[in-house]
Amino acid sequence: ISSYFSVYTNNKWGVIDNNGKIVISPSYDEMILVPNSKTPIFLCTYDVDYENNTYKTKAIDENGKEILTGYDSIEAISNKDSNNKTWYENNVYKVSKDGKYGMVNGKGKEILACNYANITALPGVKDYILFTKDEKIGVCDVYGNIIINAEYKDVKSLGDGVQKEFIVQNSEEKYGIV
């Protein structure tokens, strides 16, 4: 099984495999993100305008073919534990369309429609995602199953790695556990 890595040469970014073979020729000005080294899905940033802080993103496969299309943008969903160790949620991507966010899996299947103001990882917990709608926060898993409806001011985990147990805060500043 191949593993994939970003490579920087001659002031350009590309992708190589674990044998050093060039998979995506270094031709991008911005770093190509490889969210999962075992999966040939690479996220590219292009048409960067530093003055107006705008850019475009796309996903490409090991043949350089654009995949996971039909969205205005696509991003990996990054997460961090309490030691600041960063990882990306496996095989799930944040996408946007018309200013709203959703999620797709690596096969391009929409698992959360683009109906949300934001989508982020639940810090320190693998496979759980926070979504915001009408200024309220909810929780789903990386398969799109809603765990907690968007009805809270804030949602946190009980601790790094703790799944299915959440501290919630309502609009009256009261806390509870779900």
N, C-alpha and C. Protein backbone atom coordinates (compact mmCIF):
# COMPACT_ATOMS: atom_id res chain seq x y z
N ILE A 1 0.86 -1.18 0.00
CA ILE A 1 0.00 0.00 0.00
C ILE A 1 0.89 1.23 0.00
N SER A 2 0.58 2.14 -0.89
CA SER A 2 1.37 3.37 -0.98
C SER A 2 0.98 4.35 0.12
N SER A 3 1.96 5.15 0.50
CA SER A 3 1.72 6.30 1.37
C SER A 3 2.09 7.53 0.56
N TYR A 4 1.42 8.65 0.84
CA TYR A 4 1.63 9.86 0.05
C TYR A 4 2.09 11.00 0.94
N PHE A 5 2.94 11.86 0.36
CA PHE A 5 3.51 12.97 1.10
C PHE A 5 3.65 14.19 0.19
N SER A 6 3.45 15.37 0.77
CA SER A 6 3.71 16.61 0.03
C SER A 6 5.22 16.73 -0.19
N VAL A 7 5.58 17.30 -1.33
CA VAL A 7 6.99 17.51 -1.64
C VAL A 7 7.16 18.93 -2.17
N TYR A 8 8.27 19.56 -1.82
CA TYR A 8 8.58 20.93 -2.26
C TYR A 8 9.93 20.90 -2.97
N THR A 9 9.90 21.27 -4.24
CA THR A 9 11.14 21.32 -5.01
C THR A 9 11.04 22.43 -6.06
N ASN A 10 12.13 23.13 -6.26
CA ASN A 10 12.18 24.24 -7.21
C ASN A 10 11.04 25.25 -7.00
N ASN A 11 10.78 25.55 -5.74
CA ASN A 11 9.75 26.53 -5.33
C ASN A 11 8.33 26.13 -5.72
N LYS A 12 8.08 24.84 -5.91
CA LYS A 12 6.75 24.35 -6.25
C LYS A 12 6.41 23.13 -5.39
N TRP A 13 5.11 22.90 -5.22
CA TRP A 13 4.61 21.79 -4.42
C TRP A 13 4.01 20.70 -5.30
N GLY A 14 4.22 19.46 -4.86
CA GLY A 14 3.64 18.29 -5.51
C GLY A 14 3.42 17.20 -4.49
N VAL A 15 3.29 15.96 -4.96
CA VAL A 15 3.08 14.82 -4.07
C VAL A 15 3.97 13.68 -4.55
N ILE A 16 4.60 12.98 -3.59
CA ILE A 16 5.36 11.78 -3.88
C ILE A 16 4.77 10.62 -3.07
N ASP A 17 5.14 9.39 -3.47
CA ASP A 17 4.73 8.24 -2.66
C ASP A 17 5.91 7.80 -1.79
N ASN A 18 5.70 6.76 -1.00
CA ASN A 18 6.73 6.31 -0.07
C ASN A 18 7.96 5.71 -0.75
N ASN A 19 7.89 5.49 -2.05
CA ASN A 19 9.06 5.02 -2.81
C ASN A 19 9.80 6.18 -3.48
N GLY A 20 9.33 7.42 -3.27
CA GLY A 20 9.97 8.58 -3.87
C GLY A 20 9.48 8.88 -5.28
N LYS A 21 8.52 8.09 -5.76
CA LYS A 21 7.97 8.31 -7.09
C LYS A 21 7.06 9.54 -7.08
N ILE A 22 7.21 10.39 -8.10
CA ILE A 22 6.36 11.58 -8.22
C ILE A 22 4.95 11.14 -8.60
N VAL A 23 3.99 11.53 -7.79
CA VAL A 23 2.58 11.23 -8.03
C VAL A 23 1.91 12.44 -8.67
N ILE A 24 2.12 13.62 -8.09
CA ILE A 24 1.65 14.90 -8.65
C ILE A 24 2.89 15.75 -8.86
N SER A 25 3.16 16.08 -10.09
CA SER A 25 4.34 16.86 -10.42
C SER A 25 4.35 18.18 -9.65
N PRO A 26 5.49 18.55 -9.07
CA PRO A 26 5.56 19.83 -8.35
C PRO A 26 5.29 21.00 -9.29
N SER A 27 4.07 21.51 -9.24
CA SER A 27 3.67 22.60 -10.12
C SER A 27 2.77 23.61 -9.41
N TYR A 28 2.53 23.41 -8.12
CA TYR A 28 1.63 24.30 -7.36
C TYR A 28 2.44 25.26 -6.51
N ASP A 29 1.98 26.52 -6.46
CA ASP A 29 2.66 27.54 -5.65
C ASP A 29 2.40 27.34 -4.16
N GLU A 30 1.25 26.79 -3.81
CA GLU A 30 0.88 26.57 -2.41
C GLU A 30 1.03 25.09 -2.07
N MET A 31 1.28 24.80 -0.80
CA MET A 31 1.45 23.42 -0.37
C MET A 31 0.21 22.58 -0.67
N ILE A 32 0.42 21.38 -1.16
CA ILE A 32 -0.67 20.43 -1.37
C ILE A 32 -0.85 19.66 -0.06
N LEU A 33 -2.05 19.67 0.45
CA LEU A 33 -2.34 19.00 1.71
C LEU A 33 -2.71 17.54 1.44
N VAL A 34 -2.07 16.64 2.16
CA VAL A 34 -2.37 15.21 2.10
C VAL A 34 -3.00 14.86 3.46
N PRO A 35 -4.35 14.95 3.57
CA PRO A 35 -4.99 14.75 4.88
C PRO A 35 -4.82 13.35 5.44
N ASN A 36 -4.72 12.33 4.58
CA ASN A 36 -4.55 10.96 5.02
C ASN A 36 -3.50 10.34 4.11
N SER A 37 -2.35 10.01 4.67
CA SER A 37 -1.23 9.53 3.83
C SER A 37 -1.54 8.22 3.10
N LYS A 38 -2.58 7.51 3.51
CA LYS A 38 -2.93 6.22 2.87
C LYS A 38 -3.99 6.37 1.78
N THR A 39 -4.55 7.56 1.61
CA THR A 39 -5.63 7.79 0.65
C THR A 39 -5.18 8.79 -0.41
N PRO A 40 -5.33 8.46 -1.70
CA PRO A 40 -4.89 9.37 -2.77
C PRO A 40 -5.90 10.50 -3.04
N ILE A 41 -6.14 11.31 -2.02
CA ILE A 41 -6.96 12.52 -2.16
C ILE A 41 -6.10 13.67 -1.66
N PHE A 42 -5.83 14.61 -2.56
CA PHE A 42 -4.91 15.70 -2.26
C PHE A 42 -5.65 17.03 -2.42
N LEU A 43 -5.50 17.92 -1.44
CA LEU A 43 -6.20 19.20 -1.47
C LEU A 43 -5.24 20.30 -1.90
N CYS A 44 -5.63 21.02 -2.93
CA CYS A 44 -4.79 22.06 -3.54
C CYS A 44 -5.44 23.43 -3.37
N THR A 45 -4.61 24.40 -3.05
CA THR A 45 -5.03 25.79 -2.99
C THR A 45 -4.42 26.49 -4.19
N TYR A 46 -5.23 27.30 -4.86
CA TYR A 46 -4.72 27.98 -6.05
C TYR A 46 -5.43 29.32 -6.22
N ASP A 47 -5.00 30.11 -7.18
CA ASP A 47 -5.53 31.46 -7.42
C ASP A 47 -5.58 32.27 -6.12
N VAL A 48 -4.46 32.26 -5.39
CA VAL A 48 -4.39 32.97 -4.12
C VAL A 48 -4.20 34.46 -4.37
N ASP A 49 -5.03 35.27 -3.73
CA ASP A 49 -4.92 36.73 -3.77
C ASP A 49 -4.66 37.19 -2.34
N TYR A 50 -3.37 37.41 -2.02
CA TYR A 50 -3.00 37.78 -0.66
C TYR A 50 -3.52 39.15 -0.27
N GLU A 51 -3.70 40.03 -1.23
CA GLU A 51 -4.21 41.37 -0.94
C GLU A 51 -5.65 41.33 -0.43
N ASN A 52 -6.49 40.52 -1.07
CA ASN A 52 -7.90 40.44 -0.69
C ASN A 52 -8.22 39.21 0.15
N ASN A 53 -7.16 38.43 0.50
CA ASN A 53 -7.31 37.24 1.31
C ASN A 53 -8.35 36.27 0.74
N THR A 54 -8.24 36.00 -0.57
CA THR A 54 -9.13 35.04 -1.22
C THR A 54 -8.30 33.96 -1.91
N TYR A 55 -8.91 32.81 -2.08
CA TYR A 55 -8.25 31.70 -2.75
C TYR A 55 -9.31 30.68 -3.16
N LYS A 56 -8.88 29.73 -4.00
CA LYS A 56 -9.75 28.64 -4.41
C LYS A 56 -9.12 27.33 -3.95
N THR A 57 -9.96 26.32 -3.77
CA THR A 57 -9.45 25.00 -3.40
C THR A 57 -10.08 23.94 -4.29
N LYS A 58 -9.37 22.83 -4.41
CA LYS A 58 -9.90 21.69 -5.15
C LYS A 58 -9.24 20.43 -4.62
N ALA A 59 -9.89 19.29 -4.87
CA ALA A 59 -9.33 17.99 -4.53
C ALA A 59 -8.94 17.29 -5.82
N ILE A 60 -7.76 16.65 -5.81
CA ILE A 60 -7.33 15.89 -6.98
C ILE A 60 -6.92 14.48 -6.53
N ASP A 61 -6.97 13.55 -7.47
CA ASP A 61 -6.55 12.18 -7.17
C ASP A 61 -5.11 11.96 -7.63
N GLU A 62 -4.64 10.72 -7.56
CA GLU A 62 -3.25 10.42 -7.91
C GLU A 62 -2.94 10.60 -9.38
N ASN A 63 -3.97 10.78 -10.20
CA ASN A 63 -3.76 11.06 -11.63
C ASN A 63 -3.84 12.55 -11.95
N GLY A 64 -4.01 13.38 -10.92
CA GLY A 64 -4.14 14.81 -11.13
C GLY A 64 -5.53 15.23 -11.55
N LYS A 65 -6.49 14.29 -11.56
CA LYS A 65 -7.86 14.57 -11.97
C LYS A 65 -8.63 15.17 -10.80
N GLU A 66 -9.38 16.24 -11.09
CA GLU A 66 -10.17 16.87 -10.04
C GLU A 66 -11.31 15.95 -9.63
N ILE A 67 -11.49 15.81 -8.31
CA ILE A 67 -12.53 14.95 -7.74
C ILE A 67 -13.29 15.73 -6.68
N LEU A 68 -14.36 15.17 -6.17
CA LEU A 68 -15.19 15.81 -5.14
C LEU A 68 -15.60 17.20 -5.60
N THR A 69 -16.13 17.27 -6.80
CA THR A 69 -16.46 18.55 -7.43
C THR A 69 -17.90 18.98 -7.12
N GLY A 70 -18.25 20.17 -7.57
CA GLY A 70 -19.60 20.69 -7.41
C GLY A 70 -19.75 21.62 -6.22
N TYR A 71 -18.63 21.97 -5.60
CA TYR A 71 -18.66 22.84 -4.42
C TYR A 71 -17.78 24.06 -4.66
N ASP A 72 -18.04 25.13 -3.92
CA ASP A 72 -17.23 26.34 -4.04
C ASP A 72 -15.85 26.15 -3.42
N SER A 73 -15.77 25.33 -2.36
CA SER A 73 -14.48 25.05 -1.73
C SER A 73 -14.54 23.68 -1.07
N ILE A 74 -13.36 23.16 -0.79
CA ILE A 74 -13.22 21.88 -0.09
C ILE A 74 -12.01 21.99 0.83
N GLU A 75 -12.17 21.49 2.07
CA GLU A 75 -11.09 21.56 3.05
C GLU A 75 -11.04 20.27 3.86
N ALA A 76 -9.87 19.95 4.37
CA ALA A 76 -9.75 18.88 5.36
C ALA A 76 -10.27 19.44 6.68
N ILE A 77 -10.78 18.58 7.53
CA ILE A 77 -11.27 19.01 8.85
C ILE A 77 -10.18 18.68 9.86
N SER A 78 -9.49 19.73 10.32
CA SER A 78 -8.38 19.52 11.25
C SER A 78 -8.90 19.45 12.69
N ASN A 79 -8.14 18.75 13.51
CA ASN A 79 -8.48 18.59 14.91
C ASN A 79 -7.19 18.68 15.71
N LYS A 80 -7.31 18.98 17.01
CA LYS A 80 -6.16 19.08 17.90
C LYS A 80 -6.53 18.48 19.25
N ASP A 81 -5.55 17.83 19.87
CA ASP A 81 -5.78 17.37 21.23
C ASP A 81 -5.22 18.41 22.21
N SER A 82 -5.30 18.11 23.51
CA SER A 82 -4.87 19.08 24.52
C SER A 82 -3.36 19.32 24.49
N ASN A 83 -2.60 18.46 23.83
CA ASN A 83 -1.15 18.66 23.68
C ASN A 83 -0.81 19.39 22.38
N ASN A 84 -1.83 19.90 21.69
CA ASN A 84 -1.67 20.64 20.43
C ASN A 84 -1.23 19.76 19.27
N LYS A 85 -1.41 18.44 19.39
CA LYS A 85 -1.11 17.52 18.28
C LYS A 85 -2.25 17.63 17.28
N THR A 86 -1.92 17.90 16.01
CA THR A 86 -2.92 18.10 14.97
C THR A 86 -3.08 16.84 14.14
N TRP A 87 -4.32 16.53 13.77
CA TRP A 87 -4.61 15.48 12.81
C TRP A 87 -5.81 15.92 11.98
N TYR A 88 -6.10 15.19 10.93
CA TYR A 88 -7.26 15.46 10.08
C TYR A 88 -8.25 14.32 10.22
N GLU A 89 -9.53 14.67 10.25
CA GLU A 89 -10.56 13.65 10.31
C GLU A 89 -10.47 12.81 9.05
N ASN A 90 -10.47 11.49 9.20
CA ASN A 90 -10.29 10.57 8.08
C ASN A 90 -11.48 10.53 7.14
N ASN A 91 -11.18 10.67 5.86
CA ASN A 91 -12.16 10.42 4.80
C ASN A 91 -13.42 11.27 4.88
N VAL A 92 -13.31 12.47 5.43
CA VAL A 92 -14.44 13.40 5.46
C VAL A 92 -13.89 14.80 5.23
N TYR A 93 -14.64 15.58 4.44
CA TYR A 93 -14.16 16.89 4.04
C TYR A 93 -15.26 17.93 4.21
N LYS A 94 -14.86 19.12 4.61
CA LYS A 94 -15.78 20.26 4.73
C LYS A 94 -15.88 20.90 3.35
N VAL A 95 -17.11 21.09 2.89
CA VAL A 95 -17.33 21.70 1.59
C VAL A 95 -18.25 22.91 1.77
N SER A 96 -18.19 23.84 0.81
CA SER A 96 -19.09 24.99 0.88
C SER A 96 -19.78 25.19 -0.47
N LYS A 97 -20.96 25.74 -0.36
CA LYS A 97 -21.73 26.08 -1.54
C LYS A 97 -22.62 27.26 -1.15
N ASP A 98 -22.52 28.34 -1.93
CA ASP A 98 -23.33 29.54 -1.69
C ASP A 98 -23.24 30.03 -0.24
N GLY A 99 -22.03 29.97 0.34
CA GLY A 99 -21.81 30.53 1.67
C GLY A 99 -22.22 29.63 2.83
N LYS A 100 -22.67 28.43 2.55
CA LYS A 100 -23.06 27.48 3.60
C LYS A 100 -22.14 26.26 3.52
N TYR A 101 -22.02 25.55 4.64
CA TYR A 101 -21.09 24.43 4.72
C TYR A 101 -21.80 23.10 4.91
N GLY A 102 -21.14 22.04 4.45
CA GLY A 102 -21.59 20.67 4.62
C GLY A 102 -20.39 19.76 4.62
N MET A 103 -20.63 18.43 4.50
CA MET A 103 -19.54 17.46 4.48
C MET A 103 -19.78 16.42 3.39
N VAL A 104 -18.68 15.97 2.80
CA VAL A 104 -18.70 14.85 1.87
C VAL A 104 -17.65 13.84 2.32
N ASN A 105 -17.85 12.59 1.91
CA ASN A 105 -16.81 11.60 2.20
C ASN A 105 -15.87 11.49 1.01
N GLY A 106 -14.87 10.65 1.12
CA GLY A 106 -13.86 10.52 0.07
C GLY A 106 -14.37 9.96 -1.24
N LYS A 107 -15.55 9.38 -1.24
CA LYS A 107 -16.16 8.88 -2.47
C LYS A 107 -17.07 9.93 -3.11
N GLY A 108 -17.15 11.13 -2.48
CA GLY A 108 -17.96 12.21 -3.03
C GLY A 108 -19.39 12.22 -2.56
N LYS A 109 -19.76 11.28 -1.68
CA LYS A 109 -21.13 11.22 -1.17
C LYS A 109 -21.34 12.33 -0.14
N GLU A 110 -22.39 13.12 -0.37
CA GLU A 110 -22.72 14.18 0.58
C GLU A 110 -23.29 13.54 1.84
N ILE A 111 -22.61 13.77 2.96
CA ILE A 111 -23.07 13.18 4.22
C ILE A 111 -23.70 14.21 5.14
N LEU A 112 -23.53 15.48 4.82
CA LEU A 112 -24.20 16.57 5.52
C LEU A 112 -24.39 17.67 4.48
N ALA A 113 -25.63 17.99 4.17
CA ALA A 113 -25.93 18.99 3.14
C ALA A 113 -25.35 20.35 3.51
N CYS A 114 -25.09 21.18 2.53
CA CYS A 114 -24.54 22.52 2.74
C CYS A 114 -25.64 23.46 3.25
N ASN A 115 -25.99 23.27 4.51
CA ASN A 115 -27.04 24.06 5.17
C ASN A 115 -26.55 24.74 6.43
N TYR A 116 -25.25 24.74 6.68
CA TYR A 116 -24.74 25.15 7.99
C TYR A 116 -23.81 26.36 7.90
N ALA A 117 -23.81 27.17 8.98
CA ALA A 117 -22.97 28.36 9.04
C ALA A 117 -21.50 27.99 9.25
N ASN A 118 -21.26 26.84 9.89
CA ASN A 118 -19.88 26.39 10.08
C ASN A 118 -19.85 24.91 10.40
N ILE A 119 -18.70 24.31 10.14
CA ILE A 119 -18.44 22.90 10.44
C ILE A 119 -17.01 22.85 10.96
N THR A 120 -16.81 22.28 12.16
CA THR A 120 -15.47 22.13 12.73
C THR A 120 -15.40 20.80 13.47
N ALA A 121 -14.19 20.35 13.74
CA ALA A 121 -14.02 19.13 14.53
C ALA A 121 -14.32 19.42 15.99
N LEU A 122 -14.79 18.43 16.70
CA LEU A 122 -14.93 18.53 18.16
C LEU A 122 -13.53 18.35 18.72
N PRO A 123 -12.94 19.40 19.30
CA PRO A 123 -11.53 19.35 19.71
C PRO A 123 -11.21 18.14 20.59
N GLY A 124 -10.17 17.41 20.18
CA GLY A 124 -9.67 16.30 20.96
C GLY A 124 -10.41 14.99 20.79
N VAL A 125 -11.49 15.00 19.99
CA VAL A 125 -12.29 13.78 19.83
C VAL A 125 -12.35 13.40 18.36
N LYS A 126 -11.88 12.21 18.06
CA LYS A 126 -11.86 11.72 16.68
C LYS A 126 -13.27 11.34 16.24
N ASP A 127 -13.60 11.69 14.99
CA ASP A 127 -14.84 11.27 14.33
C ASP A 127 -16.10 12.01 14.77
N TYR A 128 -15.98 13.10 15.51
CA TYR A 128 -17.16 13.89 15.89
C TYR A 128 -16.98 15.33 15.42
N ILE A 129 -18.05 15.86 14.86
CA ILE A 129 -18.01 17.16 14.20
C ILE A 129 -19.04 18.09 14.83
N LEU A 130 -18.64 19.36 15.04
CA LEU A 130 -19.57 20.39 15.49
C LEU A 130 -20.12 21.10 14.26
N PHE A 131 -21.42 21.36 14.26
CA PHE A 131 -22.01 22.14 13.18
C PHE A 131 -22.84 23.26 13.79
N THR A 132 -22.87 24.39 13.09
CA THR A 132 -23.58 25.58 13.58
C THR A 132 -24.69 25.94 12.61
N LYS A 133 -25.87 26.14 13.17
CA LYS A 133 -27.03 26.56 12.38
C LYS A 133 -27.84 27.52 13.23
N ASP A 134 -28.20 28.67 12.66
CA ASP A 134 -28.96 29.69 13.39
C ASP A 134 -28.31 30.03 14.73
N GLU A 135 -26.97 30.15 14.72
CA GLU A 135 -26.16 30.52 15.87
C GLU A 135 -26.24 29.52 17.02
N LYS A 136 -26.66 28.31 16.75
CA LYS A 136 -26.72 27.23 17.74
C LYS A 136 -25.82 26.09 17.26
N ILE A 137 -25.25 25.36 18.20
CA ILE A 137 -24.29 24.30 17.89
C ILE A 137 -24.89 22.93 18.14
N GLY A 138 -24.56 21.99 17.25
CA GLY A 138 -24.94 20.60 17.40
C GLY A 138 -23.74 19.71 17.11
N VAL A 139 -23.94 18.40 17.22
CA VAL A 139 -22.86 17.43 17.01
C VAL A 139 -23.36 16.33 16.07
N CYS A 140 -22.49 15.94 15.13
CA CYS A 140 -22.75 14.77 14.30
C CYS A 140 -21.48 13.95 14.24
N ASP A 141 -21.60 12.73 13.73
CA ASP A 141 -20.40 11.93 13.53
C ASP A 141 -19.94 12.11 12.07
N VAL A 142 -18.83 11.48 11.72
CA VAL A 142 -18.27 11.65 10.38
C VAL A 142 -19.07 10.91 9.30
N TYR A 143 -20.16 10.26 9.70
CA TYR A 143 -21.06 9.60 8.74
C TYR A 143 -22.31 10.44 8.51
N GLY A 144 -22.40 11.61 9.20
CA GLY A 144 -23.54 12.50 9.04
C GLY A 144 -24.68 12.22 9.99
N ASN A 145 -24.52 11.27 10.91
CA ASN A 145 -25.57 10.99 11.89
C ASN A 145 -25.60 12.09 12.94
N ILE A 146 -26.76 12.71 13.13
CA ILE A 146 -26.89 13.78 14.12
C ILE A 146 -26.92 13.15 15.51
N ILE A 147 -26.00 13.57 16.36
CA ILE A 147 -25.91 13.08 17.74
C ILE A 147 -26.65 14.05 18.66
N ILE A 148 -26.41 15.35 18.45
CA ILE A 148 -27.09 16.40 19.23
C ILE A 148 -27.57 17.44 18.23
N ASN A 149 -28.85 17.76 18.28
CA ASN A 149 -29.40 18.79 17.40
C ASN A 149 -28.77 20.15 17.70
N ALA A 150 -28.79 21.04 16.72
CA ALA A 150 -28.21 22.37 16.87
C ALA A 150 -29.13 23.22 17.75
N GLU A 151 -28.93 23.11 19.08
CA GLU A 151 -29.77 23.87 20.01
C GLU A 151 -29.00 24.42 21.20
N TYR A 152 -27.67 24.36 21.12
CA TYR A 152 -26.86 24.82 22.26
C TYR A 152 -25.94 25.97 21.89
N LYS A 153 -25.61 26.77 22.91
CA LYS A 153 -24.67 27.88 22.74
C LYS A 153 -23.25 27.34 22.59
N ASP A 154 -22.95 26.23 23.29
CA ASP A 154 -21.63 25.64 23.21
C ASP A 154 -21.73 24.14 23.51
N VAL A 155 -20.83 23.38 22.92
CA VAL A 155 -20.72 21.95 23.17
C VAL A 155 -19.23 21.61 23.26
N LYS A 156 -18.86 20.86 24.31
CA LYS A 156 -17.48 20.42 24.48
C LYS A 156 -17.50 18.94 24.83
N SER A 157 -16.35 18.30 24.66
CA SER A 157 -16.24 16.91 25.09
C SER A 157 -15.88 16.89 26.57
N LEU A 158 -16.08 15.74 27.21
CA LEU A 158 -15.67 15.59 28.61
C LEU A 158 -14.15 15.51 28.74
N GLY A 159 -13.45 15.29 27.64
CA GLY A 159 -11.99 15.23 27.65
C GLY A 159 -11.48 14.62 26.37
N ASP A 160 -10.18 14.73 26.13
CA ASP A 160 -9.58 14.16 24.92
C ASP A 160 -9.98 12.71 24.74
N GLY A 161 -10.48 12.41 23.58
CA GLY A 161 -10.81 11.03 23.24
C GLY A 161 -12.13 10.53 23.79
N VAL A 162 -12.79 11.27 24.66
CA VAL A 162 -14.06 10.83 25.23
C VAL A 162 -15.16 11.02 24.20
N GLN A 163 -15.78 9.92 23.78
CA GLN A 163 -16.81 9.98 22.76
C GLN A 163 -18.18 9.77 23.38
N LYS A 164 -19.18 10.37 22.75
CA LYS A 164 -20.58 10.19 23.09
C LYS A 164 -20.97 10.76 24.46
N GLU A 165 -20.12 11.55 25.07
CA GLU A 165 -20.45 12.26 26.30
C GLU A 165 -20.01 13.69 26.14
N PHE A 166 -20.97 14.61 26.24
CA PHE A 166 -20.70 16.00 25.91
C PHE A 166 -21.19 16.93 27.01
N ILE A 167 -20.45 18.02 27.21
CA ILE A 167 -20.88 19.10 28.09
C ILE A 167 -21.56 20.12 27.19
N VAL A 168 -22.79 20.46 27.51
CA VAL A 168 -23.54 21.42 26.70
C VAL A 168 -23.85 22.65 27.53
N GLN A 169 -23.94 23.79 26.86
CA GLN A 169 -24.30 25.05 27.51
C GLN A 169 -25.45 25.64 26.73
N ASN A 170 -26.53 25.98 27.44
CA ASN A 170 -27.68 26.58 26.75
C ASN A 170 -27.58 28.10 26.74
N SER A 171 -28.56 28.74 26.15
CA SER A 171 -28.53 30.21 26.01
C SER A 171 -28.68 30.93 27.35
N GLU A 172 -29.13 30.24 28.39
CA GLU A 172 -29.22 30.85 29.74
C GLU A 172 -27.95 30.63 30.54
N GLU A 173 -26.88 30.19 29.86
CA GLU A 173 -25.58 29.95 30.48
C GLU A 173 -25.58 28.77 31.45
N LYS A 174 -26.55 27.88 31.36
CA LYS A 174 -26.59 26.69 32.20
C LYS A 174 -25.96 25.52 31.47
N TYR A 175 -25.33 24.64 32.26
CA TYR A 175 -24.59 23.52 31.70
C TYR A 175 -25.30 22.20 32.00
N GLY A 176 -25.02 21.24 31.17
CA GLY A 176 -25.53 19.89 31.37
C GLY A 176 -24.64 18.91 30.65
N ILE A 177 -24.96 17.63 30.80
CA ILE A 177 -24.20 16.57 30.12
C ILE A 177 -25.17 15.78 29.27
N VAL A 178 -24.77 15.55 28.02
CA VAL A 178 -25.57 14.74 27.10
C VAL A 178 -24.75 13.51 26.78
